[in-house]
């Protein structure tokens, strides 16, 4: 049975994005949450973000208005996280 997985991106941004893509190999549903700060702008993160968004089409959410992804307030974000089987913090 496919699991519903949320990946919380905080400090290890490149690793979190890379792992988000890898988690799709088992046909699980994966969504990405960039939390509390702007996503860093470098080649490694850009490569992993391209994979997550363009190649895999994973939804990306954020609670930081500095990011250009779908914005969620902390309250809405917390309510969404209740619906996942697994929440992985990075």
C-alpha atoms as a PDB file:
ATOM      1  CA  UNK A   1       0.000   0.000   0.000  1.00  0.00           C
ATOM      2  CA  UNK A   2       1.388   3.415  -0.987  1.00  0.00           C
ATOM      3  CA  UNK A   3       2.222   5.755   1.875  1.00  0.00           C
ATOM      4  CA  UNK A   4       1.646   9.492   1.996  1.00  0.00           C
ATOM      5  CA  UNK A   5       4.957  11.174   2.909  1.00  0.00           C
ATOM      6  CA  UNK A   6       5.789  14.788   3.793  1.00  0.00           C
ATOM      7  CA  UNK A   7       9.403  15.975   3.634  1.00  0.00           C
ATOM      8  CA  UNK A   8      10.151  19.051   5.765  1.00  0.00           C
ATOM      9  CA  UNK A   9      13.039  21.055   4.302  1.00  0.00           C
ATOM     10  CA  UNK A  10      14.918  23.185   6.819  1.00  0.00           C
ATOM     11  CA  UNK A  11      18.675  23.035   7.386  1.00  0.00           C
ATOM     12  CA  UNK A  12      19.882  20.333   4.972  1.00  0.00           C
ATOM     13  CA  UNK A  13      18.024  21.653   1.957  1.00  0.00           C
ATOM     14  CA  UNK A  14      19.910  19.873  -0.845  1.00  0.00           C
ATOM     15  CA  UNK A  15      19.776  16.523   0.952  1.00  0.00           C
ATOM     16  CA  UNK A  16      16.059  16.921   1.691  1.00  0.00           C
ATOM     17  CA  UNK A  17      15.228  17.667  -1.934  1.00  0.00           C
ATOM     18  CA  UNK A  18      17.369  14.749  -3.148  1.00  0.00           C
ATOM     19  CA  UNK A  19      15.666  12.375  -0.710  1.00  0.00           C
ATOM     20  CA  UNK A  20      12.231  13.639  -1.751  1.00  0.00           C
ATOM     21  CA  UNK A  21      12.894  12.400  -5.246  1.00  0.00           C
ATOM     22  CA  UNK A  22      14.297   9.097  -4.029  1.00  0.00           C
ATOM     23  CA  UNK A  23      11.219   8.410  -1.927  1.00  0.00           C
ATOM     24  CA  UNK A  24       9.099   8.250  -5.078  1.00  0.00           C
ATOM     25  CA  UNK A  25      10.820   5.040  -6.186  1.00  0.00           C
ATOM     26  CA  UNK A  26       8.378   2.961  -4.132  1.00  0.00           C
ATOM     27  CA  UNK A  27       5.370   4.730  -5.671  1.00  0.00           C
ATOM     28  CA  UNK A  28       4.630   6.571  -2.442  1.00  0.00           C
ATOM     29  CA  UNK A  29       2.944   9.979  -2.565  1.00  0.00           C
ATOM     30  CA  UNK A  30       5.527  12.626  -1.603  1.00  0.00           C
ATOM     31  CA  UNK A  31       5.008  16.332  -0.901  1.00  0.00           C
ATOM     32  CA  UNK A  32       7.727  18.844  -0.013  1.00  0.00           C
ATOM     33  CA  UNK A  33       7.505  21.638   2.576  1.00  0.00           C
ATOM     34  CA  UNK A  34      10.177  24.352   2.646  1.00  0.00           C
ATOM     35  CA  UNK A  35       9.990  25.761   6.156  1.00  0.00           C
ATOM     36  CA  UNK A  36      10.967  28.919   8.000  1.00  0.00           C
ATOM     37  CA  UNK A  37      13.521  30.391   5.567  1.00  0.00           C
ATOM     38  CA  UNK A  38      14.245  31.112   1.933  1.00  0.00           C
ATOM     39  CA  UNK A  39      15.507  28.226  -0.139  1.00  0.00           C
ATOM     40  CA  UNK A  40      19.222  28.649  -0.843  1.00  0.00           C
ATOM     41  CA  UNK A  41      20.223  29.570  -4.382  1.00  0.00           C
ATOM     42  CA  UNK A  42      23.009  27.274  -5.598  1.00  0.00           C
ATOM     43  CA  UNK A  43      23.645  24.736  -8.376  1.00  0.00           C
ATOM     44  CA  UNK A  44      23.102  21.630  -6.242  1.00  0.00           C
ATOM     45  CA  UNK A  45      19.763  22.787  -4.865  1.00  0.00           C
ATOM     46  CA  UNK A  46      18.692  23.964  -8.337  1.00  0.00           C
ATOM     47  CA  UNK A  47      19.445  20.508  -9.764  1.00  0.00           C
ATOM     48  CA  UNK A  48      17.476  18.681  -7.049  1.00  0.00           C
ATOM     49  CA  UNK A  49      14.622  21.195  -7.202  1.00  0.00           C
ATOM     50  CA  UNK A  50      14.378  20.721 -10.980  1.00  0.00           C
ATOM     51  CA  UNK A  51      14.081  16.970 -10.417  1.00  0.00           C
ATOM     52  CA  UNK A  52      11.429  17.386  -7.705  1.00  0.00           C
ATOM     53  CA  UNK A  53       9.288  19.927  -9.539  1.00  0.00           C
ATOM     54  CA  UNK A  54       9.773  19.353 -13.253  1.00  0.00           C
ATOM     55  CA  UNK A  55      10.702  15.697 -13.613  1.00  0.00           C
ATOM     56  CA  UNK A  56       8.613  14.236 -10.785  1.00  0.00           C
ATOM     57  CA  UNK A  57       5.922  16.902 -10.417  1.00  0.00           C
ATOM     58  CA  UNK A  58       5.946  16.828  -6.619  1.00  0.00           C
ATOM     59  CA  UNK A  59       3.922  19.540  -4.863  1.00  0.00           C
ATOM     60  CA  UNK A  60       6.066  22.105  -3.024  1.00  0.00           C
ATOM     61  CA  UNK A  61       4.680  24.248  -0.206  1.00  0.00           C
ATOM     62  CA  UNK A  62       6.250  26.865   2.063  1.00  0.00           C
ATOM     63  CA  UNK A  63       5.500  28.908   5.157  1.00  0.00           C
ATOM     64  CA  UNK A  64       8.051  31.574   4.155  1.00  0.00           C
ATOM     65  CA  UNK A  65       6.778  34.333   1.871  1.00  0.00           C
ATOM     66  CA  UNK A  66      10.315  34.803   0.477  1.00  0.00           C
ATOM     67  CA  UNK A  67       9.902  31.537  -1.459  1.00  0.00           C
ATOM     68  CA  UNK A  68       7.954  31.375  -4.717  1.00  0.00           C
ATOM     69  CA  UNK A  69       6.001  28.210  -3.897  1.00  0.00           C
ATOM     70  CA  UNK A  70       2.465  27.741  -2.637  1.00  0.00           C
ATOM     71  CA  UNK A  71       2.306  29.634   0.659  1.00  0.00           C
ATOM     72  CA  UNK A  72       0.612  28.109   3.707  1.00  0.00           C
ATOM     73  CA  UNK A  73       0.208  29.689   7.114  1.00  0.00           C
ATOM     74  CA  UNK A  74       1.651  27.699  10.001  1.00  0.00           C
ATOM     75  CA  UNK A  75      -1.869  26.719  11.069  1.00  0.00           C
ATOM     76  CA  UNK A  76      -2.799  25.385   7.619  1.00  0.00           C
ATOM     77  CA  UNK A  77       0.553  23.643   7.351  1.00  0.00           C
ATOM     78  CA  UNK A  78       0.081  21.933  10.721  1.00  0.00           C
ATOM     79  CA  UNK A  79      -3.403  20.747   9.720  1.00  0.00           C
ATOM     80  CA  UNK A  80      -2.086  19.331   6.420  1.00  0.00           C
ATOM     81  CA  UNK A  81       0.692  17.427   8.191  1.00  0.00           C
ATOM     82  CA  UNK A  82      -1.896  15.476  10.193  1.00  0.00           C
ATOM     83  CA  UNK A  83      -2.909  13.655   6.998  1.00  0.00           C
ATOM     84  CA  UNK A  84       0.459  12.001   6.292  1.00  0.00           C
ATOM     85  CA  UNK A  85       1.564   8.490   7.173  1.00  0.00           C
ATOM     86  CA  UNK A  86       5.193   9.623   7.493  1.00  0.00           C
ATOM     87  CA  UNK A  87       6.727  13.068   8.140  1.00  0.00           C
ATOM     88  CA  UNK A  88      10.486  13.316   7.542  1.00  0.00           C
ATOM     89  CA  UNK A  89      12.251  16.406   8.939  1.00  0.00           C
ATOM     90  CA  UNK A  90      15.564  17.604   7.448  1.00  0.00           C
END
